[in-house]
């Protein structure tokens, strides 16, 4: 739990000291990660990202397997090669190893950026829905479940968030994901 989340929750509970004020406070929470995993757009984004990850992983595995084979071949021929040829082959293999490592790092960065881009659109839309739920239910605060140690299950608004998201709510709002609205039009 982040420090800001703890401070926010602590402040809310300190404000609850006044019984008259406490009666006006209503809280809820959502599990944003679960909502991401259970919305149609979230599942599609995860599937797309997994497909891309698997493709890149296969490419890396092939490069690593070939490199390993070449290293083993060099080890078998080590005593037969002249010293200058041996150094040349070792330098080539080190260079290839560095390229494979750089490719791995580049793939990781690319996948992380794509994940943030794809899930960012979904989280923005979910945030708009959470704000609508808070307004409709007259809630004082909704926090993410990851910031909680304990909360009563009846305060969990995750199912409502998922239901509204999959029903197309807030898809037409500013910054909404165009892909999120498209499947709804087909139904």
N, C-alpha and C. Protein backbone atom coordinates (compact mmCIF):
# COMPACT_ATOMS: atom_id res chain seq x y z
N UNK A 1 0.85 -1.17 0.00
CA UNK A 1 0.00 0.00 0.00
C UNK A 1 0.90 1.23 0.00
N UNK A 2 0.58 2.16 -0.85
CA UNK A 2 1.40 3.37 -0.94
C UNK A 2 1.19 4.26 0.28
N UNK A 3 2.16 5.10 0.53
CA UNK A 3 2.09 6.01 1.67
C UNK A 3 0.90 6.95 1.52
N UNK A 4 0.66 7.44 0.32
CA UNK A 4 -0.45 8.36 0.08
C UNK A 4 -1.78 7.68 0.39
N UNK A 5 -1.92 6.40 0.02
CA UNK A 5 -3.16 5.67 0.30
C UNK A 5 -3.38 5.54 1.80
N UNK A 6 -2.30 5.22 2.53
CA UNK A 6 -2.43 5.08 3.98
C UNK A 6 -2.82 6.39 4.63
N UNK A 7 -2.21 7.48 4.18
CA UNK A 7 -2.51 8.80 4.74
C UNK A 7 -3.96 9.17 4.45
N UNK A 8 -4.41 8.91 3.23
CA UNK A 8 -5.79 9.22 2.85
C UNK A 8 -6.79 8.44 3.68
N UNK A 9 -6.54 7.15 3.86
CA UNK A 9 -7.45 6.32 4.64
C UNK A 9 -7.42 6.74 6.11
N UNK A 10 -6.24 6.99 6.64
CA UNK A 10 -6.12 7.43 8.04
C UNK A 10 -6.85 8.74 8.25
N UNK A 11 -6.72 9.67 7.32
CA UNK A 11 -7.40 10.96 7.44
C UNK A 11 -8.91 10.78 7.43
N UNK A 12 -9.39 9.88 6.58
CA UNK A 12 -10.83 9.64 6.51
C UNK A 12 -11.35 9.09 7.83
N UNK A 13 -10.60 8.18 8.43
CA UNK A 13 -11.05 7.61 9.69
C UNK A 13 -10.92 8.59 10.86
N UNK A 14 -9.94 9.48 10.80
CA UNK A 14 -9.83 10.50 11.83
C UNK A 14 -11.01 11.46 11.76
N UNK A 15 -11.44 11.74 10.53
CA UNK A 15 -12.58 12.63 10.36
C UNK A 15 -13.88 11.99 10.86
N UNK A 16 -13.86 10.67 10.99
CA UNK A 16 -15.06 9.97 11.44
C UNK A 16 -15.30 10.13 12.93
N UNK A 17 -14.43 10.85 13.63
CA UNK A 17 -14.56 11.03 15.07
C UNK A 17 -15.88 11.65 15.48
N UNK A 18 -16.37 12.55 14.70
CA UNK A 18 -17.66 13.18 14.98
C UNK A 18 -18.76 12.25 14.49
N UNK A 19 -19.66 11.84 15.39
CA UNK A 19 -20.69 10.88 14.99
C UNK A 19 -21.64 11.49 13.96
N UNK A 20 -21.91 12.79 14.04
CA UNK A 20 -22.79 13.41 13.06
C UNK A 20 -22.14 13.40 11.69
N UNK A 21 -20.85 13.67 11.66
CA UNK A 21 -20.12 13.67 10.40
C UNK A 21 -19.96 12.24 9.88
N UNK A 22 -19.73 11.30 10.79
CA UNK A 22 -19.51 9.90 10.42
C UNK A 22 -20.73 9.31 9.74
N UNK A 23 -21.92 9.76 10.11
CA UNK A 23 -23.13 9.24 9.50
C UNK A 23 -23.21 9.62 8.03
N UNK A 24 -22.59 10.72 7.65
CA UNK A 24 -22.62 11.16 6.26
C UNK A 24 -21.57 10.46 5.40
N UNK A 25 -20.59 9.83 6.03
CA UNK A 25 -19.53 9.19 5.28
C UNK A 25 -19.95 7.80 4.82
N UNK A 26 -19.73 7.54 3.54
CA UNK A 26 -19.98 6.21 2.98
C UNK A 26 -18.77 5.84 2.16
N UNK A 27 -18.32 4.60 2.35
CA UNK A 27 -17.11 4.13 1.68
C UNK A 27 -17.42 2.94 0.79
N UNK A 28 -16.53 2.72 -0.15
CA UNK A 28 -16.59 1.54 -0.99
C UNK A 28 -15.19 1.25 -1.49
N UNK A 29 -15.03 0.09 -2.08
CA UNK A 29 -13.73 -0.23 -2.67
C UNK A 29 -13.94 -1.05 -3.94
N UNK A 30 -12.95 -1.02 -4.79
CA UNK A 30 -12.96 -1.82 -6.01
C UNK A 30 -11.60 -2.51 -6.15
N UNK A 31 -11.63 -3.66 -6.76
CA UNK A 31 -10.40 -4.38 -7.08
C UNK A 31 -10.13 -4.10 -8.56
N UNK A 32 -9.35 -3.06 -8.82
CA UNK A 32 -9.11 -2.62 -10.20
C UNK A 32 -8.41 -3.70 -11.02
N UNK A 33 -7.52 -4.45 -10.41
CA UNK A 33 -6.81 -5.50 -11.14
C UNK A 33 -7.77 -6.61 -11.55
N UNK A 34 -8.64 -7.01 -10.63
CA UNK A 34 -9.64 -8.03 -10.97
C UNK A 34 -10.58 -7.51 -12.04
N UNK A 35 -10.98 -6.26 -11.93
CA UNK A 35 -11.87 -5.67 -12.93
C UNK A 35 -11.19 -5.67 -14.30
N UNK A 36 -9.93 -5.33 -14.34
CA UNK A 36 -9.19 -5.36 -15.61
C UNK A 36 -9.21 -6.76 -16.20
N UNK A 37 -8.97 -7.76 -15.36
CA UNK A 37 -8.91 -9.14 -15.83
C UNK A 37 -10.26 -9.70 -16.24
N UNK A 38 -11.35 -9.11 -15.74
CA UNK A 38 -12.67 -9.67 -15.99
C UNK A 38 -13.51 -8.86 -16.97
N UNK A 39 -13.04 -7.70 -17.41
CA UNK A 39 -13.78 -6.96 -18.43
C UNK A 39 -13.41 -7.52 -19.79
N UNK A 40 -14.31 -7.38 -20.74
CA UNK A 40 -14.06 -7.88 -22.10
C UNK A 40 -12.80 -7.25 -22.69
N UNK A 41 -12.69 -5.93 -22.56
CA UNK A 41 -11.53 -5.23 -23.11
C UNK A 41 -10.24 -5.66 -22.41
N UNK A 42 -10.32 -5.86 -21.11
CA UNK A 42 -9.14 -6.29 -20.36
C UNK A 42 -8.67 -7.66 -20.80
N UNK A 43 -9.62 -8.59 -20.99
CA UNK A 43 -9.25 -9.93 -21.46
C UNK A 43 -8.65 -9.87 -22.86
N UNK A 44 -9.22 -9.04 -23.72
CA UNK A 44 -8.69 -8.91 -25.08
C UNK A 44 -7.28 -8.32 -25.06
N UNK A 45 -7.09 -7.29 -24.25
CA UNK A 45 -5.77 -6.67 -24.15
C UNK A 45 -4.74 -7.66 -23.63
N UNK A 46 -5.11 -8.40 -22.59
CA UNK A 46 -4.19 -9.40 -22.03
C UNK A 46 -3.87 -10.48 -23.06
N UNK A 47 -4.87 -10.92 -23.82
CA UNK A 47 -4.65 -11.95 -24.83
C UNK A 47 -3.72 -11.44 -25.93
N UNK A 48 -3.93 -10.21 -26.36
CA UNK A 48 -3.07 -9.60 -27.39
C UNK A 48 -1.64 -9.48 -26.88
N UNK A 49 -1.49 -9.01 -25.66
CA UNK A 49 -0.17 -8.85 -25.08
C UNK A 49 0.52 -10.21 -24.89
N UNK A 50 -0.25 -11.21 -24.48
CA UNK A 50 0.33 -12.55 -24.29
C UNK A 50 0.79 -13.12 -25.63
N UNK A 51 -0.01 -12.93 -26.67
CA UNK A 51 0.36 -13.42 -27.99
C UNK A 51 1.67 -12.77 -28.45
N UNK A 52 1.77 -11.47 -28.26
CA UNK A 52 2.98 -10.75 -28.64
C UNK A 52 4.17 -11.20 -27.79
N UNK A 53 3.93 -11.38 -26.49
CA UNK A 53 5.00 -11.85 -25.60
C UNK A 53 5.48 -13.23 -26.05
N UNK A 54 4.55 -14.14 -26.32
CA UNK A 54 4.92 -15.49 -26.74
C UNK A 54 5.73 -15.48 -28.02
N UNK A 55 5.33 -14.62 -28.96
CA UNK A 55 6.06 -14.50 -30.22
C UNK A 55 7.49 -14.02 -29.98
N UNK A 56 7.63 -13.01 -29.17
CA UNK A 56 8.97 -12.46 -28.89
C UNK A 56 9.80 -13.45 -28.08
N UNK A 57 9.14 -14.17 -27.17
CA UNK A 57 9.85 -15.17 -26.37
C UNK A 57 10.35 -16.30 -27.26
N UNK A 58 9.55 -16.70 -28.23
CA UNK A 58 9.96 -17.76 -29.16
C UNK A 58 11.20 -17.31 -29.94
N UNK A 59 11.19 -16.08 -30.39
CA UNK A 59 12.33 -15.52 -31.13
C UNK A 59 13.59 -15.55 -30.25
N UNK A 60 13.44 -15.12 -29.01
CA UNK A 60 14.59 -15.12 -28.09
C UNK A 60 15.06 -16.54 -27.80
N UNK A 61 14.13 -17.45 -27.61
CA UNK A 61 14.49 -18.84 -27.33
C UNK A 61 15.30 -19.44 -28.48
N UNK A 62 14.88 -19.12 -29.70
CA UNK A 62 15.61 -19.61 -30.87
C UNK A 62 17.02 -19.04 -30.92
N UNK A 63 17.15 -17.75 -30.66
CA UNK A 63 18.47 -17.12 -30.66
C UNK A 63 19.36 -17.72 -29.56
N UNK A 64 18.79 -17.93 -28.39
CA UNK A 64 19.55 -18.50 -27.28
C UNK A 64 19.97 -19.94 -27.58
N UNK A 65 19.06 -20.72 -28.16
CA UNK A 65 19.37 -22.11 -28.49
C UNK A 65 20.51 -22.19 -29.51
N UNK A 66 20.45 -21.32 -30.52
CA UNK A 66 21.52 -21.31 -31.52
C UNK A 66 22.84 -20.88 -30.90
N UNK A 67 22.79 -19.89 -30.05
CA UNK A 67 24.00 -19.42 -29.38
C UNK A 67 24.59 -20.52 -28.49
N UNK A 68 23.74 -21.20 -27.75
CA UNK A 68 24.20 -22.28 -26.88
C UNK A 68 24.85 -23.40 -27.71
N UNK A 69 24.23 -23.74 -28.82
CA UNK A 69 24.77 -24.76 -29.72
C UNK A 69 26.15 -24.34 -30.23
N UNK A 70 26.27 -23.08 -30.64
CA UNK A 70 27.54 -22.58 -31.16
C UNK A 70 28.63 -22.56 -30.08
N UNK A 71 28.25 -22.24 -28.85
CA UNK A 71 29.20 -22.26 -27.73
C UNK A 71 29.68 -23.70 -27.48
N UNK A 72 28.73 -24.63 -27.49
CA UNK A 72 29.09 -26.04 -27.29
C UNK A 72 30.01 -26.53 -28.41
N UNK A 73 29.71 -26.12 -29.65
CA UNK A 73 30.58 -26.51 -30.78
C UNK A 73 31.98 -25.95 -30.60
N UNK A 74 32.06 -24.70 -30.17
CA UNK A 74 33.37 -24.09 -29.96
C UNK A 74 34.13 -24.82 -28.85
N UNK A 75 33.42 -25.18 -27.78
CA UNK A 75 34.07 -25.90 -26.68
C UNK A 75 34.64 -27.24 -27.15
N UNK A 76 33.94 -27.91 -28.06
CA UNK A 76 34.41 -29.19 -28.60
C UNK A 76 35.65 -29.01 -29.48
N UNK A 77 35.71 -27.89 -30.19
CA UNK A 77 36.81 -27.64 -31.12
C UNK A 77 37.94 -26.80 -30.51
N UNK A 78 37.78 -26.41 -29.26
CA UNK A 78 38.70 -25.48 -28.60
C UNK A 78 40.17 -25.91 -28.75
N UNK A 79 40.45 -27.17 -28.53
CA UNK A 79 41.86 -27.63 -28.57
C UNK A 79 42.38 -27.75 -30.00
N UNK A 80 41.47 -27.81 -30.97
CA UNK A 80 41.89 -27.98 -32.36
C UNK A 80 42.14 -26.66 -33.08
N UNK A 81 41.56 -25.56 -32.57
CA UNK A 81 41.67 -24.26 -33.24
C UNK A 81 42.94 -23.52 -32.83
N UNK A 82 43.50 -22.78 -33.78
CA UNK A 82 44.62 -21.91 -33.42
C UNK A 82 44.14 -20.81 -32.46
N UNK A 83 45.02 -20.29 -31.65
CA UNK A 83 44.68 -19.30 -30.62
C UNK A 83 43.98 -18.07 -31.20
N UNK A 84 44.45 -17.57 -32.33
CA UNK A 84 43.82 -16.38 -32.91
C UNK A 84 42.39 -16.67 -33.39
N UNK A 85 42.16 -17.84 -33.98
CA UNK A 85 40.81 -18.22 -34.40
C UNK A 85 39.90 -18.42 -33.19
N UNK A 86 40.44 -19.00 -32.14
CA UNK A 86 39.68 -19.22 -30.91
C UNK A 86 39.23 -17.88 -30.31
N UNK A 87 40.15 -16.92 -30.22
CA UNK A 87 39.80 -15.59 -29.69
C UNK A 87 38.75 -14.92 -30.57
N UNK A 88 38.91 -15.06 -31.88
CA UNK A 88 37.95 -14.47 -32.82
C UNK A 88 36.56 -15.05 -32.61
N UNK A 89 36.46 -16.38 -32.47
CA UNK A 89 35.17 -17.04 -32.25
C UNK A 89 34.58 -16.64 -30.89
N UNK A 90 35.40 -16.57 -29.86
CA UNK A 90 34.92 -16.17 -28.53
C UNK A 90 34.39 -14.75 -28.56
N UNK A 91 35.09 -13.86 -29.26
CA UNK A 91 34.65 -12.46 -29.39
C UNK A 91 33.32 -12.40 -30.13
N UNK A 92 33.18 -13.18 -31.18
CA UNK A 92 31.93 -13.22 -31.94
C UNK A 92 30.78 -13.72 -31.07
N UNK A 93 31.03 -14.78 -30.31
CA UNK A 93 29.98 -15.33 -29.44
C UNK A 93 29.60 -14.35 -28.33
N UNK A 94 30.58 -13.66 -27.75
CA UNK A 94 30.27 -12.64 -26.73
C UNK A 94 29.41 -11.53 -27.32
N UNK A 95 29.76 -11.13 -28.54
CA UNK A 95 29.00 -10.08 -29.22
C UNK A 95 27.55 -10.53 -29.46
N UNK A 96 27.40 -11.77 -29.90
CA UNK A 96 26.05 -12.31 -30.12
C UNK A 96 25.27 -12.41 -28.82
N UNK A 97 25.94 -12.80 -27.74
CA UNK A 97 25.29 -12.88 -26.43
C UNK A 97 24.80 -11.49 -26.00
N UNK A 98 25.63 -10.48 -26.19
CA UNK A 98 25.23 -9.11 -25.85
C UNK A 98 24.03 -8.67 -26.67
N UNK A 99 24.00 -9.03 -27.94
CA UNK A 99 22.86 -8.67 -28.81
C UNK A 99 21.58 -9.35 -28.33
N UNK A 100 21.69 -10.62 -27.94
CA UNK A 100 20.52 -11.33 -27.43
C UNK A 100 20.02 -10.66 -26.15
N UNK A 101 20.94 -10.27 -25.26
CA UNK A 101 20.56 -9.60 -24.02
C UNK A 101 19.91 -8.25 -24.31
N UNK A 102 20.46 -7.52 -25.28
CA UNK A 102 19.87 -6.22 -25.66
C UNK A 102 18.49 -6.41 -26.26
N UNK A 103 18.33 -7.45 -27.07
CA UNK A 103 17.02 -7.75 -27.66
C UNK A 103 16.01 -8.06 -26.55
N UNK A 104 16.44 -8.84 -25.57
CA UNK A 104 15.57 -9.17 -24.44
C UNK A 104 15.12 -7.90 -23.72
N UNK A 105 16.06 -7.03 -23.42
CA UNK A 105 15.73 -5.78 -22.71
C UNK A 105 14.79 -4.91 -23.55
N UNK A 106 15.04 -4.82 -24.85
CA UNK A 106 14.20 -4.02 -25.73
C UNK A 106 12.78 -4.60 -25.77
N UNK A 107 12.68 -5.93 -25.86
CA UNK A 107 11.36 -6.57 -25.86
C UNK A 107 10.61 -6.29 -24.56
N UNK A 108 11.32 -6.37 -23.44
CA UNK A 108 10.70 -6.10 -22.14
C UNK A 108 10.16 -4.67 -22.08
N UNK A 109 10.97 -3.73 -22.55
CA UNK A 109 10.55 -2.33 -22.53
C UNK A 109 9.35 -2.10 -23.46
N UNK A 110 9.40 -2.70 -24.65
CA UNK A 110 8.29 -2.57 -25.61
C UNK A 110 7.00 -3.14 -25.03
N UNK A 111 7.09 -4.32 -24.45
CA UNK A 111 5.90 -4.96 -23.89
C UNK A 111 5.34 -4.17 -22.71
N UNK A 112 6.22 -3.64 -21.88
CA UNK A 112 5.77 -2.83 -20.75
C UNK A 112 5.06 -1.57 -21.24
N UNK A 113 5.62 -0.92 -22.25
CA UNK A 113 5.00 0.29 -22.79
C UNK A 113 3.65 -0.03 -23.42
N UNK A 114 3.56 -1.12 -24.15
CA UNK A 114 2.28 -1.51 -24.77
C UNK A 114 1.25 -1.87 -23.73
N UNK A 115 1.69 -2.56 -22.67
CA UNK A 115 0.75 -2.92 -21.61
C UNK A 115 0.20 -1.66 -20.93
N UNK A 116 1.09 -0.71 -20.66
CA UNK A 116 0.64 0.53 -20.03
C UNK A 116 -0.32 1.30 -20.93
N UNK A 117 -0.03 1.30 -22.22
CA UNK A 117 -0.91 2.01 -23.16
C UNK A 117 -2.29 1.35 -23.22
N UNK A 118 -2.30 0.03 -23.38
CA UNK A 118 -3.57 -0.69 -23.49
C UNK A 118 -4.38 -0.64 -22.19
N UNK A 119 -3.73 -0.93 -21.07
CA UNK A 119 -4.47 -0.95 -19.81
C UNK A 119 -4.79 0.46 -19.34
N UNK A 120 -3.99 1.43 -19.72
CA UNK A 120 -4.25 2.82 -19.33
C UNK A 120 -5.59 3.30 -19.83
N UNK A 121 -5.93 2.97 -21.07
CA UNK A 121 -7.23 3.35 -21.63
C UNK A 121 -8.36 2.71 -20.83
N UNK A 122 -8.17 1.46 -20.48
CA UNK A 122 -9.21 0.73 -19.74
C UNK A 122 -9.35 1.32 -18.34
N UNK A 123 -8.22 1.58 -17.67
CA UNK A 123 -8.28 2.15 -16.32
C UNK A 123 -8.91 3.54 -16.32
N UNK A 124 -8.65 4.34 -17.35
CA UNK A 124 -9.29 5.67 -17.44
C UNK A 124 -10.80 5.52 -17.49
N UNK A 125 -11.26 4.61 -18.32
CA UNK A 125 -12.71 4.40 -18.44
C UNK A 125 -13.28 3.85 -17.14
N UNK A 126 -12.57 2.93 -16.51
CA UNK A 126 -13.05 2.39 -15.23
C UNK A 126 -13.12 3.48 -14.18
N UNK A 127 -12.17 4.38 -14.19
CA UNK A 127 -12.17 5.49 -13.22
C UNK A 127 -13.41 6.36 -13.41
N UNK A 128 -13.77 6.63 -14.66
CA UNK A 128 -14.99 7.42 -14.92
C UNK A 128 -16.23 6.69 -14.39
N UNK A 129 -16.26 5.38 -14.56
CA UNK A 129 -17.41 4.59 -14.06
C UNK A 129 -17.43 4.62 -12.54
N UNK A 130 -16.27 4.47 -11.90
CA UNK A 130 -16.19 4.51 -10.44
C UNK A 130 -16.70 5.86 -9.93
N UNK A 131 -16.34 6.93 -10.62
CA UNK A 131 -16.82 8.26 -10.22
C UNK A 131 -18.34 8.35 -10.34
N UNK A 132 -18.90 7.74 -11.37
CA UNK A 132 -20.37 7.74 -11.53
C UNK A 132 -21.02 6.91 -10.42
N UNK A 133 -20.43 5.79 -10.08
CA UNK A 133 -20.96 4.96 -9.00
C UNK A 133 -20.93 5.74 -7.69
N UNK A 134 -19.81 6.42 -7.43
CA UNK A 134 -19.68 7.21 -6.20
C UNK A 134 -20.75 8.30 -6.13
N UNK A 135 -20.98 8.97 -7.26
CA UNK A 135 -21.99 10.03 -7.28
C UNK A 135 -23.39 9.44 -7.08
N UNK A 136 -23.70 8.36 -7.76
CA UNK A 136 -25.02 7.76 -7.67
C UNK A 136 -25.32 7.19 -6.28
N UNK A 137 -24.31 6.64 -5.65
CA UNK A 137 -24.48 6.03 -4.33
C UNK A 137 -24.17 7.00 -3.18
N UNK A 138 -23.81 8.23 -3.52
CA UNK A 138 -23.45 9.25 -2.54
C UNK A 138 -22.32 8.76 -1.62
N UNK A 139 -21.29 8.19 -2.26
CA UNK A 139 -20.15 7.67 -1.51
C UNK A 139 -19.12 8.78 -1.29
N UNK A 140 -18.54 8.81 -0.11
CA UNK A 140 -17.51 9.80 0.21
C UNK A 140 -16.16 9.40 -0.37
N UNK A 141 -15.92 8.08 -0.44
CA UNK A 141 -14.61 7.63 -0.88
C UNK A 141 -14.72 6.21 -1.43
N UNK A 142 -13.99 5.97 -2.52
CA UNK A 142 -13.81 4.63 -3.05
C UNK A 142 -12.31 4.44 -3.21
N UNK A 143 -11.79 3.37 -2.65
CA UNK A 143 -10.36 3.09 -2.73
C UNK A 143 -10.15 1.76 -3.46
N UNK A 144 -8.93 1.59 -3.94
CA UNK A 144 -8.58 0.33 -4.58
C UNK A 144 -8.33 -0.71 -3.50
N UNK A 145 -8.74 -1.93 -3.75
CA UNK A 145 -8.59 -3.01 -2.77
C UNK A 145 -7.13 -3.21 -2.36
N UNK A 146 -6.21 -2.94 -3.28
CA UNK A 146 -4.79 -3.13 -2.96
C UNK A 146 -4.33 -2.21 -1.83
N UNK A 147 -5.10 -1.15 -1.56
CA UNK A 147 -4.75 -0.22 -0.50
C UNK A 147 -5.40 -0.58 0.84
N UNK A 148 -6.12 -1.70 0.87
CA UNK A 148 -6.86 -2.09 2.08
C UNK A 148 -6.24 -3.29 2.76
N UNK A 149 -6.37 -3.30 4.05
CA UNK A 149 -6.01 -4.49 4.82
C UNK A 149 -7.27 -5.30 5.07
N UNK A 150 -8.36 -4.60 5.38
CA UNK A 150 -9.63 -5.26 5.62
C UNK A 150 -10.77 -4.32 5.24
N UNK A 151 -11.80 -4.90 4.67
CA UNK A 151 -13.05 -4.18 4.42
C UNK A 151 -14.16 -5.22 4.33
N UNK A 152 -15.32 -4.84 4.75
CA UNK A 152 -16.46 -5.76 4.69
C UNK A 152 -16.84 -6.00 3.22
N UNK A 153 -17.17 -7.22 2.90
CA UNK A 153 -17.48 -7.57 1.51
C UNK A 153 -18.60 -6.75 0.87
N UNK A 154 -19.56 -6.30 1.67
CA UNK A 154 -20.68 -5.55 1.09
C UNK A 154 -20.24 -4.18 0.55
N UNK A 155 -19.04 -3.75 0.89
CA UNK A 155 -18.52 -2.47 0.39
C UNK A 155 -17.81 -2.63 -0.96
N UNK A 156 -17.67 -3.87 -1.43
CA UNK A 156 -16.97 -4.16 -2.68
C UNK A 156 -17.86 -3.80 -3.87
N UNK A 157 -17.37 -2.89 -4.69
CA UNK A 157 -18.13 -2.42 -5.86
C UNK A 157 -17.56 -2.97 -7.17
N UNK A 158 -16.66 -3.94 -7.08
CA UNK A 158 -15.98 -4.45 -8.26
C UNK A 158 -16.95 -5.06 -9.26
N UNK A 159 -17.88 -5.87 -8.79
CA UNK A 159 -18.83 -6.51 -9.72
C UNK A 159 -19.66 -5.47 -10.47
N UNK A 160 -20.06 -4.42 -9.77
CA UNK A 160 -20.83 -3.35 -10.40
C UNK A 160 -19.98 -2.63 -11.45
N UNK A 161 -18.73 -2.39 -11.14
CA UNK A 161 -17.81 -1.77 -12.09
C UNK A 161 -17.68 -2.63 -13.34
N UNK A 162 -17.45 -3.92 -13.17
CA UNK A 162 -17.30 -4.83 -14.31
C UNK A 162 -18.58 -4.86 -15.14
N UNK A 163 -19.72 -4.97 -14.46
CA UNK A 163 -21.01 -5.02 -15.16
C UNK A 163 -21.21 -3.77 -16.01
N UNK A 164 -21.00 -2.61 -15.41
CA UNK A 164 -21.20 -1.35 -16.14
C UNK A 164 -20.20 -1.18 -17.27
N UNK A 165 -18.96 -1.59 -17.04
CA UNK A 165 -17.94 -1.48 -18.08
C UNK A 165 -18.33 -2.35 -19.28
N UNK A 166 -18.66 -3.61 -19.01
CA UNK A 166 -19.03 -4.52 -20.10
C UNK A 166 -20.32 -4.12 -20.79
N UNK A 167 -21.15 -3.35 -20.10
CA UNK A 167 -22.39 -2.86 -20.70
C UNK A 167 -22.14 -1.63 -21.58
N UNK A 168 -20.92 -1.13 -21.58
CA UNK A 168 -20.56 -0.02 -22.45
C UNK A 168 -20.59 1.35 -21.82
N UNK A 169 -20.80 1.41 -20.51
CA UNK A 169 -20.86 2.71 -19.84
C UNK A 169 -19.53 3.44 -19.95
N UNK A 170 -19.61 4.73 -20.15
CA UNK A 170 -18.46 5.65 -20.22
C UNK A 170 -17.57 5.39 -21.43
N UNK A 171 -18.03 4.58 -22.38
CA UNK A 171 -17.24 4.30 -23.57
C UNK A 171 -17.16 5.50 -24.49
N UNK A 172 -18.13 6.38 -24.39
CA UNK A 172 -18.16 7.55 -25.27
C UNK A 172 -17.53 8.78 -24.62
N UNK A 173 -17.00 8.61 -23.42
CA UNK A 173 -16.40 9.75 -22.71
C UNK A 173 -15.07 10.15 -23.30
N UNK A 174 -14.60 11.31 -22.88
CA UNK A 174 -13.31 11.83 -23.33
C UNK A 174 -12.21 10.84 -22.96
N UNK A 175 -11.38 10.51 -23.94
CA UNK A 175 -10.27 9.59 -23.69
C UNK A 175 -10.68 8.14 -23.68
N UNK A 176 -11.91 7.84 -24.07
CA UNK A 176 -12.36 6.45 -24.07
C UNK A 176 -11.66 5.67 -25.15
N UNK A 177 -11.50 4.41 -24.91
CA UNK A 177 -10.85 3.54 -25.88
C UNK A 177 -11.82 3.24 -27.01
N UNK A 178 -11.51 3.59 -28.27
CA UNK A 178 -12.42 3.33 -29.37
C UNK A 178 -12.71 1.84 -29.51
N UNK A 179 -11.73 1.00 -29.26
CA UNK A 179 -11.94 -0.44 -29.39
C UNK A 179 -12.95 -0.93 -28.36
N UNK A 180 -13.07 -0.25 -27.24
CA UNK A 180 -13.99 -0.69 -26.20
C UNK A 180 -15.43 -0.50 -26.64
N UNK A 181 -15.70 0.50 -27.44
CA UNK A 181 -17.07 0.75 -27.86
C UNK A 181 -17.44 -0.11 -29.05
N UNK A 182 -16.50 -0.50 -29.88
CA UNK A 182 -16.78 -1.25 -31.10
C UNK A 182 -17.50 -2.56 -30.86
N UNK A 183 -17.07 -3.43 -29.90
CA UNK A 183 -17.76 -4.68 -29.71
C UNK A 183 -19.21 -4.50 -29.28
N UNK A 184 -19.51 -3.43 -28.58
CA UNK A 184 -20.87 -3.19 -28.14
C UNK A 184 -21.81 -2.93 -29.30
N UNK A 185 -21.29 -2.29 -30.36
CA UNK A 185 -22.11 -1.97 -31.51
C UNK A 185 -22.52 -3.22 -32.28
N UNK A 186 -21.70 -4.29 -32.19
CA UNK A 186 -21.97 -5.53 -32.91
C UNK A 186 -23.09 -6.32 -32.26
N UNK A 187 -23.33 -6.15 -30.97
CA UNK A 187 -24.31 -6.97 -30.25
C UNK A 187 -25.72 -6.59 -30.57
